[in-house]
Amino acid sequence: MLSIASILAFLLLAGCGSSDEDAGGPGPTDEATSSVTATAAEATIEPEPSSSPAADSSEPVVGPDGLFDEPQLDDDGTPHLIPMEQIFNGGVPRDGIPSIDAPVFSASDEWDTFDYRDDGLVIGVEVDGIRRAYPFQVIVWHELVNDTFNGKPILVSYCPLCGTAIAFEREINGSAVEFGVSGRLYNSDLLMYDRASESLWSQITGTAVVGDEVGTRLTYYPSEVMTWADWQAAYPDSEVLTTDTGATRDYTRDPYGDYYVSDSTMFPVDRSSAIFDTLATKIDVTGVETPGPAYGAFVDADVREAGAVNEPVGDTPVLVAADPGAGDNIVVFDRRHDGQTLTFERNGDGLEDVETGSTWGFDGLATAGPLAGAQLEEIVPVKGFWFAWVAFHPETTLWQLVDE
């Protein structure tokens, strides 16, 4: 198993610049390596639970989404929505993990030229009929892709430490903004920064948590996560991100080794939730947020086994289902239509509601039966490791199959 220090040192040795010339620069000195090791050792310390009641009325309380209910001011006047002392240096400087700002894509006739593993995961996005896949094999080295689809600015993000692959509309106050990797972490999750105000943003919540944009929230954009083999079968006319990133990286290697299957986290996380230890640390879950706000988590493997799950998250009845035609990608919908709450079951490669017998696709559209043409409201989920979701949402409910 790779140690925390060796992974961080490996990332530093890979080069901090985004160009070929920068990436080929000298590696860290002995002093720099010692600094990384010290950071890793410090990361074994767990912070005090941040979601418990404040010791006195003057201390801010972290809310159910892992953020303060109200912005606070640091000693230098910087507004923030997270405890400043719980922001950790990830071991690389700002932009030391270079975002991809001019992504290059290839159509299916060139897919064989890339050494992408069939069982490797991709995150896919579709805008106005254009569908693109972003292999984890590439974005693990970059974490952010600033992309544009027919004039629509999209941010594709991936935090390897939390397993969270999330797409956003990258607009602030109506203007497109580029994002970069800050090199800092909160609850082991990537803190992005925008290149307009240089505010820090929580990747899991999409919220600006430090700086002038504090409290501003990006809009989640629908995405799919599946293997590269499943993506090719489902979307043969799509595009894929290439390794032409402007940086020199060995995209056949993963710098995090077996981190994904280990029980440990690299950096401190809030473990105050009463159900934190209910699941293995890095089991894959789909996190759902509904108005209230209320939060729910669904174990991916159990959803795939069940096919369709009908559960409430707060006051919202939701449908969580695995699409067999898209690599069992998990989709989430509000299962109410025209004042009626529907109950869904898997029916072959589709869905059927019990109440009317209508047939539905995994895009939430009824294709046959009394409700043909009806459309369910999609809820864009957050997919990642259990520890990451529950650290930010300690009051989350949890759904999983129970052995009878």
Protein backbone atom coordinates (compact mmCIF):
# COMPACT_ATOMS: atom_id res chain seq x y z
CA MET A 1 0.00 0.00 0.00
CA LEU A 2 1.32 3.44 -0.87
CA SER A 3 1.80 5.76 2.10
CA ILE A 4 0.33 9.23 2.20
CA ALA A 5 3.76 10.76 1.97
CA SER A 6 4.78 8.70 -1.06
CA ILE A 7 1.62 9.64 -2.97
CA LEU A 8 2.06 13.33 -2.27
CA ALA A 9 5.74 13.16 -3.16
CA PHE A 10 4.85 11.34 -6.39
CA LEU A 11 2.44 14.11 -7.35
CA LEU A 12 5.10 16.72 -6.67
CA LEU A 13 7.68 14.81 -8.69
CA ALA A 14 5.23 14.65 -11.60
CA GLY A 15 5.66 18.41 -11.96
CA CYS A 16 3.64 21.37 -10.81
CA GLY A 17 3.36 23.26 -14.11
CA SER A 18 0.74 22.71 -16.79
CA SER A 19 3.18 22.75 -19.70
CA ASP A 20 5.60 20.11 -20.92
CA GLU A 21 8.52 22.36 -20.01
CA ASP A 22 7.26 22.98 -16.49
CA ALA A 23 6.44 19.31 -15.89
CA GLY A 24 10.00 18.38 -16.75
CA GLY A 25 11.47 20.61 -14.05
CA PRO A 26 13.44 19.40 -11.03
CA GLY A 27 11.75 17.33 -8.35
CA PRO A 28 11.51 18.31 -4.68
CA THR A 29 14.62 18.63 -2.58
CA ASP A 30 15.15 16.61 0.59
CA GLU A 31 13.70 19.52 2.55
CA ALA A 32 10.60 19.51 0.37
CA THR A 33 10.18 15.76 0.83
CA SER A 34 10.47 16.20 4.59
CA SER A 35 7.78 18.86 4.44
CA VAL A 36 5.42 16.49 2.61
CA THR A 37 6.05 13.77 5.18
CA ALA A 38 5.25 16.18 7.99
CA THR A 39 2.01 17.14 6.29
CA ALA A 40 1.06 13.47 6.00
CA ALA A 41 1.80 12.80 9.66
CA GLU A 42 -0.31 15.77 10.69
CA ALA A 43 -3.17 14.41 8.62
CA THR A 44 -3.67 11.49 11.01
CA ILE A 45 -5.13 13.88 13.58
CA GLU A 46 -8.90 14.02 13.58
CA PRO A 47 -10.56 17.41 14.16
CA GLU A 48 -13.12 17.96 16.83
CA PRO A 49 -16.62 17.17 15.51
CA SER A 50 -17.72 20.32 13.73
CA SER A 51 -21.45 19.66 13.61
CA SER A 52 -22.01 19.49 17.36
CA PRO A 53 -23.57 22.46 19.20
CA ALA A 54 -21.28 25.41 19.79
CA ALA A 55 -19.67 25.76 23.17
CA ASP A 56 -21.15 29.23 23.55
CA SER A 57 -23.46 31.48 21.55
CA SER A 58 -20.54 33.41 20.06
CA GLU A 59 -19.16 30.35 18.27
CA PRO A 60 -20.56 29.47 14.85
CA VAL A 61 -22.28 26.15 14.27
CA VAL A 62 -21.64 24.01 11.22
CA GLY A 63 -24.96 23.13 9.60
CA PRO A 64 -26.19 19.86 8.06
CA ASP A 65 -24.34 20.54 4.79
CA GLY A 66 -20.92 20.82 6.42
CA LEU A 67 -20.90 24.63 6.21
CA PHE A 68 -21.60 27.41 8.69
CA ASP A 69 -25.15 28.70 8.61
CA GLU A 70 -23.81 32.24 8.27
CA PRO A 71 -20.51 33.61 6.89
CA GLN A 72 -17.85 34.34 9.49
CA LEU A 73 -14.95 36.79 9.30
CA ASP A 74 -11.38 35.66 9.83
CA ASP A 75 -8.91 37.87 11.71
CA ASP A 76 -7.89 39.52 8.44
CA GLY A 77 -11.50 40.14 7.43
CA THR A 78 -11.78 37.22 4.99
CA PRO A 79 -15.32 35.82 4.95
CA HIS A 80 -15.62 32.05 5.29
CA LEU A 81 -18.23 29.33 5.67
CA ILE A 82 -15.96 26.58 6.99
CA PRO A 83 -13.58 26.43 9.98
CA MET A 84 -10.35 27.95 8.70
CA GLU A 85 -8.28 25.71 10.99
CA GLN A 86 -9.76 22.66 9.25
CA ILE A 87 -8.45 23.65 5.82
CA PHE A 88 -5.43 21.46 5.09
CA ASN A 89 -2.55 21.92 2.68
CA GLY A 90 -2.78 18.97 0.28
CA GLY A 91 0.98 18.89 -0.34
CA VAL A 92 0.98 20.73 -3.70
CA PRO A 93 0.78 24.48 -4.40
CA ARG A 94 -2.02 26.26 -6.22
CA ASP A 95 -2.22 24.86 -9.77
CA GLY A 96 0.42 22.26 -8.85
CA ILE A 97 -2.29 19.91 -10.08
CA PRO A 98 -3.03 21.70 -13.37
CA SER A 99 -6.60 22.00 -14.55
CA ILE A 100 -7.36 21.26 -18.21
CA ASP A 101 -8.40 24.57 -19.73
CA ALA A 102 -8.24 23.70 -23.44
CA PRO A 103 -9.59 20.14 -23.59
CA VAL A 104 -9.12 18.17 -26.79
CA PHE A 105 -11.57 15.43 -27.78
CA SER A 106 -11.62 12.56 -30.25
CA ALA A 107 -14.49 10.82 -31.96
CA SER A 108 -15.00 7.07 -31.89
CA ASP A 109 -12.86 6.41 -34.96
CA GLU A 110 -9.78 7.36 -32.90
CA TRP A 111 -10.67 5.70 -29.59
CA ASP A 112 -8.36 2.77 -30.22
CA THR A 113 -5.36 5.11 -30.25
CA PHE A 114 -5.75 5.76 -26.51
CA ASP A 115 -4.67 3.32 -23.86
CA TYR A 116 -7.83 3.68 -21.80
CA ARG A 117 -8.71 0.68 -19.66
CA ASP A 118 -12.08 -0.87 -20.42
CA ASP A 119 -12.82 -1.23 -16.71
CA GLY A 120 -11.68 2.31 -15.91
CA LEU A 121 -14.39 4.80 -14.97
CA VAL A 122 -15.45 7.85 -16.94
CA ILE A 123 -17.75 10.75 -16.14
CA GLY A 124 -19.92 11.74 -19.08
CA VAL A 125 -21.82 14.92 -19.87
CA GLU A 126 -24.35 15.74 -22.60
CA VAL A 127 -25.30 19.24 -23.72
CA ASP A 128 -27.56 19.95 -26.71
CA GLY A 129 -26.87 16.56 -28.27
CA ILE A 130 -23.08 16.73 -27.75
CA ARG A 131 -21.92 13.97 -25.42
CA ARG A 132 -18.40 13.77 -23.97
CA ALA A 133 -16.60 11.32 -21.72
CA TYR A 134 -13.80 12.27 -19.33
CA PRO A 135 -11.77 9.21 -18.25
CA PHE A 136 -10.72 9.15 -14.61
CA GLN A 137 -7.44 7.82 -15.99
CA VAL A 138 -6.74 11.35 -17.29
CA ILE A 139 -8.56 13.63 -14.88
CA VAL A 140 -7.05 11.97 -11.80
CA TRP A 141 -3.95 14.02 -12.74
CA HIS A 142 -5.88 17.26 -13.28
CA GLU A 143 -9.07 17.14 -11.18
CA LEU A 144 -10.77 19.96 -13.13
CA VAL A 145 -11.72 20.41 -16.77
CA ASN A 146 -12.97 23.83 -17.90
CA ASP A 147 -15.03 22.90 -20.94
CA THR A 148 -17.52 24.63 -23.25
CA PHE A 149 -20.37 23.00 -25.21
CA ASN A 150 -21.77 25.25 -27.96
CA GLY A 151 -21.14 28.29 -25.79
CA LYS A 152 -22.31 26.66 -22.53
CA PRO A 153 -19.52 26.65 -19.92
CA ILE A 154 -19.26 23.38 -17.99
CA LEU A 155 -16.86 22.43 -15.19
CA VAL A 156 -16.08 18.73 -14.84
CA SER A 157 -14.52 17.98 -11.46
CA TYR A 158 -13.04 14.89 -9.85
CA CYS A 159 -11.62 14.58 -6.34
CA PRO A 160 -9.64 11.31 -6.16
CA LEU A 161 -9.52 11.46 -2.35
CA CYS A 162 -13.32 11.45 -2.11
CA GLY A 163 -14.18 9.57 -5.29
CA THR A 164 -16.52 12.42 -6.23
CA ALA A 165 -17.01 13.12 -9.93
CA ILE A 166 -19.33 16.12 -10.35
CA ALA A 167 -20.22 18.44 -13.23
CA PHE A 168 -21.28 22.07 -12.74
CA GLU A 169 -22.40 25.01 -14.79
CA ARG A 170 -19.32 27.22 -14.37
CA GLU A 171 -21.04 30.57 -14.34
CA ILE A 172 -20.94 33.20 -11.60
CA ASN A 173 -23.40 36.06 -11.84
CA GLY A 174 -24.07 35.18 -15.46
CA SER A 175 -20.41 35.15 -16.55
CA ALA A 176 -18.27 32.13 -17.43
CA VAL A 177 -15.43 31.64 -14.96
CA GLU A 178 -12.46 29.27 -15.03
CA PHE A 179 -11.62 27.16 -12.01
CA GLY A 180 -8.30 25.82 -10.78
CA VAL A 181 -7.03 23.45 -8.09
CA SER A 182 -6.13 25.38 -4.94
CA GLY A 183 -3.98 22.64 -3.39
CA ARG A 184 -6.09 22.83 -0.25
CA LEU A 185 -8.66 20.45 1.22
CA TYR A 186 -11.62 20.51 3.58
CA ASN A 187 -12.97 17.20 4.88
CA SER A 188 -10.40 15.62 2.52
CA ASP A 189 -12.29 17.15 -0.41
CA LEU A 190 -10.89 19.30 -3.17
CA LEU A 191 -11.15 23.05 -2.64
CA MET A 192 -11.36 24.67 -6.07
CA TYR A 193 -10.68 28.34 -6.66
CA ASP A 194 -12.18 30.59 -9.31
CA ARG A 195 -9.78 32.68 -11.37
CA ALA A 196 -11.94 35.80 -11.16
CA SER A 197 -12.24 36.40 -7.40
CA GLU A 198 -9.83 33.65 -6.22
CA SER A 199 -12.47 32.46 -3.75
CA LEU A 200 -12.28 28.87 -2.55
CA TRP A 201 -15.13 26.50 -3.43
CA SER A 202 -16.15 23.18 -1.91
CA GLN A 203 -16.28 20.60 -4.68
CA ILE A 204 -18.92 18.40 -3.02
CA THR A 205 -21.37 21.21 -2.31
CA GLY A 206 -20.39 23.50 -5.19
CA THR A 207 -20.39 26.41 -2.74
CA ALA A 208 -17.89 29.23 -2.33
CA VAL A 209 -16.64 28.79 1.23
CA VAL A 210 -13.81 31.33 1.56
CA GLY A 211 -13.45 34.73 -0.13
CA ASP A 212 -15.55 37.38 -1.83
CA GLU A 213 -17.98 34.92 -3.44
CA VAL A 214 -18.70 33.19 -0.13
CA GLY A 215 -22.19 31.67 -0.14
CA THR A 216 -22.51 31.63 -3.94
CA ARG A 217 -23.39 28.19 -5.22
CA LEU A 218 -22.74 26.60 -8.59
CA THR A 219 -25.53 24.65 -10.27
CA TYR A 220 -24.99 20.90 -10.51
CA TYR A 221 -25.16 19.66 -14.09
CA PRO A 222 -26.40 16.11 -14.90
CA SER A 223 -23.64 13.59 -15.54
CA GLU A 224 -23.16 9.84 -15.81
CA VAL A 225 -20.50 7.61 -14.28
CA MET A 226 -19.72 4.20 -15.77
CA THR A 227 -16.86 2.15 -17.15
CA TRP A 228 -15.17 3.12 -20.40
CA ALA A 229 -16.35 -0.16 -21.98
CA ASP A 230 -19.97 0.55 -21.00
CA TRP A 231 -19.68 4.12 -22.27
CA GLN A 232 -18.43 2.98 -25.67
CA ALA A 233 -21.32 0.53 -25.96
CA ALA A 234 -23.95 3.03 -24.83
CA TYR A 235 -22.71 6.09 -26.75
CA PRO A 236 -20.70 5.06 -29.83
CA ASP A 237 -21.20 8.49 -31.43
CA SER A 238 -19.79 10.47 -28.51
CA GLU A 239 -16.42 12.15 -27.94
CA VAL A 240 -13.74 11.34 -25.39
CA LEU A 241 -11.19 13.56 -23.71
CA THR A 242 -7.71 12.84 -25.06
CA THR A 243 -4.33 12.85 -23.35
CA ASP A 244 -3.42 16.03 -25.27
CA THR A 245 -3.67 18.10 -22.09
CA GLY A 246 -0.65 20.38 -22.41
CA ALA A 247 1.01 18.56 -19.51
CA THR A 248 3.44 15.67 -19.37
CA ARG A 249 1.92 12.86 -17.30
CA ASP A 250 2.00 9.09 -17.45
CA TYR A 251 -1.70 8.49 -17.98
CA THR A 252 -1.23 4.73 -17.76
CA ARG A 253 -0.50 5.10 -14.03
CA ASP A 254 -2.66 6.17 -11.12
CA PRO A 255 -0.70 8.20 -8.53
CA TYR A 256 -3.04 7.09 -5.73
CA GLY A 257 -2.30 3.37 -6.02
CA ASP A 258 -4.61 1.27 -3.85
CA TYR A 259 -5.90 4.25 -1.85
CA TYR A 260 -9.38 3.67 -3.26
CA VAL A 261 -9.72 0.26 -1.60
CA SER A 262 -8.00 1.05 1.69
CA ASP A 263 -9.96 1.93 4.84
CA SER A 264 -7.97 5.05 5.63
CA THR A 265 -8.36 8.66 4.54
CA MET A 266 -5.38 10.90 3.85
CA PHE A 267 -6.67 13.94 5.69
CA PRO A 268 -8.99 14.64 8.62
CA VAL A 269 -12.73 14.36 8.09
CA ASP A 270 -15.70 15.11 10.31
CA ARG A 271 -16.68 11.80 11.90
CA SER A 272 -19.35 13.23 14.19
CA SER A 273 -22.30 11.61 12.44
CA ALA A 274 -23.93 8.87 14.48
CA ILE A 275 -23.98 6.66 11.38
CA PHE A 276 -20.45 7.39 10.13
CA ASP A 277 -19.25 3.85 10.92
CA THR A 278 -22.35 2.16 9.49
CA LEU A 279 -20.61 1.57 6.16
CA ALA A 280 -17.08 0.92 4.98
CA THR A 281 -15.26 4.22 4.56
CA LYS A 282 -15.00 4.13 0.78
CA ILE A 283 -18.08 2.24 -0.28
CA ASP A 284 -19.68 3.98 -3.28
CA VAL A 285 -22.88 5.88 -2.53
CA THR A 286 -25.20 8.23 -4.36
CA GLY A 287 -25.95 11.33 -2.31
CA VAL A 288 -29.25 13.16 -2.76
CA GLU A 289 -30.23 16.65 -1.63
CA THR A 290 -33.86 17.79 -1.56
CA PRO A 291 -35.52 21.05 -0.43
CA GLY A 292 -35.44 21.68 3.30
CA PRO A 293 -32.63 20.94 2.93
CA ALA A 294 -32.70 17.20 3.54
CA TYR A 295 -30.05 14.65 2.58
CA GLY A 296 -30.07 10.96 1.75
CA ALA A 297 -27.45 8.40 0.74
CA PHE A 298 -28.05 5.23 -1.26
CA VAL A 299 -25.50 2.42 -1.49
CA ASP A 300 -24.73 2.04 -5.21
CA ALA A 301 -24.34 -1.73 -5.22
CA ASP A 302 -27.67 -2.14 -3.42
CA VAL A 303 -29.47 0.20 -5.82
CA ARG A 304 -28.14 -1.83 -8.74
CA GLU A 305 -29.34 -5.04 -7.12
CA ALA A 306 -32.77 -3.60 -6.35
CA GLY A 307 -33.09 -1.94 -9.77
CA ALA A 308 -35.43 0.77 -8.48
CA VAL A 309 -35.69 2.29 -5.00
CA ASN A 310 -38.69 4.31 -3.81
CA GLU A 311 -37.84 6.26 -0.67
CA PRO A 312 -38.42 9.71 0.83
CA VAL A 313 -35.57 12.15 1.36
CA GLY A 314 -37.03 14.68 3.72
CA ASP A 315 -40.46 15.59 2.36
CA THR A 316 -39.59 14.57 -1.20
CA PRO A 317 -40.43 11.08 -2.48
CA VAL A 318 -37.54 10.07 -4.72
CA LEU A 319 -36.84 7.34 -7.25
CA VAL A 320 -33.26 6.08 -7.35
CA ALA A 321 -32.63 3.65 -10.19
CA ALA A 322 -29.78 1.98 -12.10
CA ASP A 323 -29.90 2.28 -15.89
CA PRO A 324 -28.85 -1.06 -17.45
CA GLY A 325 -28.46 0.59 -20.84
CA ALA A 326 -25.82 2.98 -19.54
CA GLY A 327 -23.54 0.81 -17.44
CA ASP A 328 -25.91 0.83 -14.47
CA ASN A 329 -25.40 4.57 -14.05
CA ILE A 330 -27.59 5.69 -11.15
CA VAL A 331 -30.28 8.30 -11.78
CA VAL A 332 -32.52 10.15 -9.33
CA PHE A 333 -35.96 11.71 -9.83
CA ASP A 334 -38.76 13.27 -7.82
CA ARG A 335 -41.39 10.55 -8.30
CA ARG A 336 -44.37 12.85 -8.09
CA HIS A 337 -46.39 13.67 -11.19
CA ASP A 338 -49.43 15.92 -11.33
CA GLY A 339 -50.03 15.63 -7.59
CA GLN A 340 -49.68 11.84 -7.52
CA THR A 341 -46.78 9.99 -5.91
CA LEU A 342 -45.79 7.07 -8.10
CA THR A 343 -44.11 3.82 -7.10
CA PHE A 344 -41.64 2.33 -9.59
CA GLU A 345 -40.39 -1.14 -10.40
CA ARG A 346 -37.82 -2.36 -12.90
CA ASN A 347 -39.53 -3.94 -15.89
CA GLY A 348 -36.97 -5.49 -18.24
CA ASP A 349 -34.73 -2.68 -19.45
CA GLY A 350 -37.17 0.00 -18.34
CA LEU A 351 -39.32 1.14 -15.44
CA GLU A 352 -43.02 0.79 -14.74
CA ASP A 353 -45.13 2.63 -12.21
CA VAL A 354 -47.45 0.51 -10.08
CA GLU A 355 -50.26 3.06 -9.98
CA THR A 356 -50.95 3.40 -13.73
CA GLY A 357 -48.85 0.69 -15.37
CA SER A 358 -47.10 3.28 -17.55
CA THR A 359 -43.66 2.51 -18.96
CA TRP A 360 -40.81 4.91 -18.26
CA GLY A 361 -37.26 5.38 -19.49
CA PHE A 362 -34.28 6.09 -17.28
CA ASP A 363 -34.42 9.69 -18.47
CA GLY A 364 -37.63 10.08 -16.46
CA LEU A 365 -39.87 10.17 -19.54
CA ALA A 366 -43.01 8.00 -19.78
CA THR A 367 -42.97 6.27 -23.14
CA ALA A 368 -46.19 4.23 -23.02
CA GLY A 369 -49.38 3.84 -21.00
CA PRO A 370 -51.78 6.39 -19.48
CA LEU A 371 -48.94 8.78 -18.57
CA ALA A 372 -47.10 8.61 -21.91
CA GLY A 373 -45.27 11.89 -22.50
CA ALA A 374 -45.05 12.77 -18.80
CA GLN A 375 -41.66 13.84 -17.48
CA LEU A 376 -40.34 13.39 -13.94
CA GLU A 377 -38.17 16.13 -12.42
CA GLU A 378 -34.53 15.06 -12.28
CA ILE A 379 -32.51 15.50 -9.11
CA VAL A 380 -28.78 15.71 -9.83
CA PRO A 381 -27.01 13.51 -7.25
CA VAL A 382 -23.47 13.50 -5.88
CA LYS A 383 -21.63 10.20 -6.37
CA GLY A 384 -18.59 9.29 -4.33
CA PHE A 385 -17.25 7.60 -1.22
CA TRP A 386 -19.45 7.23 1.84
CA PHE A 387 -17.04 9.02 4.19
CA ALA A 388 -17.07 12.12 1.99
CA TRP A 389 -20.84 12.37 1.77
CA VAL A 390 -21.48 11.77 5.48
CA ALA A 391 -18.66 14.12 6.54
CA PHE A 392 -20.43 16.98 4.77
CA HIS A 393 -23.94 15.76 5.60
CA PRO A 394 -23.79 14.19 9.08
CA GLU A 395 -27.60 14.25 9.36
CA THR A 396 -28.07 12.24 6.15
CA THR A 397 -30.43 9.29 6.04
CA LEU A 398 -29.03 6.05 4.63
CA TRP A 399 -30.69 3.45 2.44
CA GLN A 400 -29.22 0.01 1.94
CA LEU A 401 -30.50 -3.50 1.38
CA VAL A 402 -30.96 -5.42 4.60
CA ASP A 403 -30.52 -9.20 4.71
CA GLU A 404 -33.71 -10.85 5.86
